[in-house]
């Protein structure tokens, strides 16, 4: 099992983080720019499919290029990346489907930040680092993405109306 610890950790950490940050950024930007449930859902499903494959291939090539992993380890990292990105990205569709747009965006933001915070805590503990440093670093980036994509969406809505 220890020889598969690295590919599992790489795949899950990359897929989860990318699934949260990319999807949150997209849905907040689309909400700010269009306020269209259809556009937001289309974005979520596009990320879940296309970006999951793209990230999985990126991890596959990255692990391959290190020239230290077995083929089985490389494919494990690839499949775990794809699966975790797909699942975490799709999880944002639930609030969008069930709630009004603004509420869905708030719930999605809380969901994403909470998942990222928990995962950051677990990473810090496993690496014997101070959790507050790791959590604050990761959440700072998430909040930065949220703010930047919101204002980007507003800017696009204003300029291209």
Protein backbone atom coordinates (compact mmCIF):
# COMPACT_ATOMS: atom_id res chain seq x y z
CA UNK A 1 0.00 0.00 0.00
CA UNK A 2 2.84 2.42 0.72
CA UNK A 3 3.91 2.42 -2.93
CA UNK A 4 0.41 3.71 -3.79
CA UNK A 5 0.36 6.35 -1.05
CA UNK A 6 2.04 8.93 -3.28
CA UNK A 7 -0.26 8.52 -6.31
CA UNK A 8 -3.36 8.51 -4.09
CA UNK A 9 -2.19 11.64 -2.26
CA UNK A 10 -1.24 13.41 -5.51
CA UNK A 11 -4.50 12.54 -7.24
CA UNK A 12 -6.79 13.40 -4.34
CA UNK A 13 -5.03 16.61 -3.33
CA UNK A 14 -4.83 17.90 -6.90
CA UNK A 15 -8.35 16.82 -7.87
CA UNK A 16 -9.98 18.19 -4.74
CA UNK A 17 -8.13 21.51 -4.82
CA UNK A 18 -8.60 22.05 -8.53
CA UNK A 19 -12.23 20.94 -8.35
CA UNK A 20 -12.96 23.48 -5.64
CA UNK A 21 -10.95 26.47 -6.87
CA UNK A 22 -11.73 26.13 -10.57
CA UNK A 23 -15.42 25.45 -10.09
CA UNK A 24 -15.89 28.19 -7.49
CA UNK A 25 -14.10 30.68 -9.70
CA UNK A 26 -16.19 29.78 -12.70
CA UNK A 27 -19.58 29.76 -10.98
CA UNK A 28 -18.92 33.03 -9.18
CA UNK A 29 -17.71 34.69 -12.38
CA UNK A 30 -20.70 33.38 -14.32
CA UNK A 31 -23.10 34.43 -11.58
CA UNK A 32 -21.62 37.94 -11.43
CA UNK A 33 -21.60 38.25 -15.21
CA UNK A 34 -24.87 36.60 -16.20
CA UNK A 35 -26.88 35.50 -13.15
CA UNK A 36 -27.97 32.61 -15.38
CA UNK A 37 -28.62 29.25 -13.74
CA UNK A 38 -28.23 27.62 -17.16
CA UNK A 39 -24.78 29.20 -17.70
CA UNK A 40 -23.65 28.29 -14.19
CA UNK A 41 -24.77 24.66 -14.54
CA UNK A 42 -23.23 24.45 -17.99
CA UNK A 43 -19.96 25.69 -16.54
CA UNK A 44 -20.04 23.18 -13.70
CA UNK A 45 -20.70 20.24 -16.01
CA UNK A 46 -18.05 21.43 -18.47
CA UNK A 47 -15.46 21.59 -15.70
CA UNK A 48 -16.54 18.21 -14.34
CA UNK A 49 -16.00 16.61 -17.74
CA UNK A 50 -13.40 18.54 -19.74
CA UNK A 51 -11.26 19.95 -16.96
CA UNK A 52 -11.22 16.65 -15.06
CA UNK A 53 -9.75 14.92 -18.10
CA UNK A 54 -7.33 17.80 -18.68
CA UNK A 55 -6.09 17.75 -15.07
CA UNK A 56 -5.84 13.96 -15.06
CA UNK A 57 -3.74 14.05 -18.22
CA UNK A 58 -1.57 16.79 -16.71
CA UNK A 59 -0.94 14.68 -13.61
CA UNK A 60 -0.33 11.62 -15.81
CA UNK A 61 2.31 13.42 -17.86
CA UNK A 62 3.86 15.05 -14.78
CA UNK A 63 4.18 11.71 -12.95
CA UNK A 64 5.50 10.06 -16.13
CA UNK A 65 8.11 12.77 -16.62
CA UNK A 66 9.58 12.16 -13.15
CA UNK A 67 10.65 8.73 -14.44
CA UNK A 68 10.45 7.21 -10.94
CA UNK A 69 6.93 5.77 -10.81
CA UNK A 70 5.59 2.48 -12.09
CA UNK A 71 2.95 2.48 -14.79
CA UNK A 72 0.40 1.33 -12.19
CA UNK A 73 1.31 4.23 -9.87
CA UNK A 74 1.01 6.71 -12.76
CA UNK A 75 -2.41 5.38 -13.72
CA UNK A 76 -3.53 5.38 -10.08
CA UNK A 77 -2.64 9.08 -9.76
CA UNK A 78 -4.37 9.76 -13.10
CA UNK A 79 -7.61 7.98 -12.18
CA UNK A 80 -7.75 9.40 -8.65
CA UNK A 81 -7.20 12.91 -10.05
CA UNK A 82 -9.97 12.47 -12.59
CA UNK A 83 -12.41 10.93 -10.10
CA UNK A 84 -11.84 13.46 -7.32
CA UNK A 85 -11.97 16.46 -9.68
CA UNK A 86 -15.15 15.12 -11.30
CA UNK A 87 -16.91 14.45 -7.98
CA UNK A 88 -15.87 17.68 -6.24
CA UNK A 89 -16.72 19.80 -9.29
CA UNK A 90 -20.13 18.14 -9.65
CA UNK A 91 -20.89 18.63 -5.95
CA UNK A 92 -21.33 22.35 -6.69
CA UNK A 93 -24.25 21.56 -9.00
CA UNK A 94 -26.41 20.47 -6.05
CA UNK A 95 -26.90 23.92 -4.47
CA UNK A 96 -27.26 25.51 -7.92
CA UNK A 97 -30.01 23.06 -8.83
CA UNK A 98 -31.85 23.38 -5.51
CA UNK A 99 -31.48 27.03 -4.50
CA UNK A 100 -31.89 30.53 -5.94
CA UNK A 101 -28.67 31.71 -7.58
CA UNK A 102 -27.39 34.07 -4.87
CA UNK A 103 -28.09 31.54 -2.12
CA UNK A 104 -26.48 28.78 -4.21
CA UNK A 105 -23.34 30.90 -4.68
CA UNK A 106 -23.11 31.59 -0.94
CA UNK A 107 -23.68 27.92 -0.06
CA UNK A 108 -21.16 26.85 -2.72
CA UNK A 109 -18.57 29.27 -1.37
CA UNK A 110 -19.06 27.98 2.17
CA UNK A 111 -18.93 24.37 0.92
CA UNK A 112 -15.72 24.96 -1.04
CA UNK A 113 -13.94 26.92 1.69
CA UNK A 114 -14.96 24.34 4.30
CA UNK A 115 -13.70 21.40 2.22
CA UNK A 116 -10.46 23.20 1.44
CA UNK A 117 -10.00 24.13 5.11
CA UNK A 118 -10.52 20.56 6.29
CA UNK A 119 -8.21 19.15 3.64
CA UNK A 120 -5.58 21.80 4.45
CA UNK A 121 -5.78 20.84 8.12
CA UNK A 122 -5.26 17.17 7.26
CA UNK A 123 -2.29 18.04 5.03
CA UNK A 124 -0.73 20.16 7.77
CA UNK A 125 -1.16 17.40 10.34
CA UNK A 126 0.31 14.74 8.04
CA UNK A 127 3.31 16.99 7.27
CA UNK A 128 3.68 18.00 10.95
CA UNK A 129 3.20 21.67 10.07
CA UNK A 130 1.24 24.33 11.92
CA UNK A 131 -2.35 23.95 10.66
CA UNK A 132 -3.18 27.67 10.86
CA UNK A 133 -0.34 28.51 8.46
CA UNK A 134 -1.34 25.94 5.87
CA UNK A 135 -5.07 26.64 6.21
CA UNK A 136 -4.66 30.42 6.01
CA UNK A 137 -2.38 30.16 2.96
CA UNK A 138 -4.84 27.93 1.09
CA UNK A 139 -7.94 29.87 2.11
CA UNK A 140 -6.29 33.16 1.15
CA UNK A 141 -5.87 31.85 -2.39
CA UNK A 142 -9.48 30.58 -2.47
CA UNK A 143 -10.85 33.94 -1.29
CA UNK A 144 -8.63 35.73 -3.80
CA UNK A 145 -10.09 33.60 -6.60
CA UNK A 146 -13.62 34.29 -5.37
CA UNK A 147 -13.08 38.06 -5.26
CA UNK A 148 -11.21 38.28 -8.57
CA UNK A 149 -13.71 36.17 -10.50
CA UNK A 150 -16.65 38.08 -9.04
CA UNK A 151 -15.23 41.41 -10.20
CA UNK A 152 -14.17 39.92 -13.53
CA UNK A 153 -17.75 38.73 -14.09
CA UNK A 154 -19.11 42.18 -13.16
CA UNK A 155 -16.60 43.86 -15.47
CA UNK A 156 -17.51 41.58 -18.38
CA UNK A 157 -21.23 42.16 -17.75
CA UNK A 158 -20.69 45.92 -17.81
CA UNK A 159 -18.42 46.05 -20.86
CA UNK A 160 -20.22 43.53 -23.07
CA UNK A 161 -23.91 44.30 -22.40
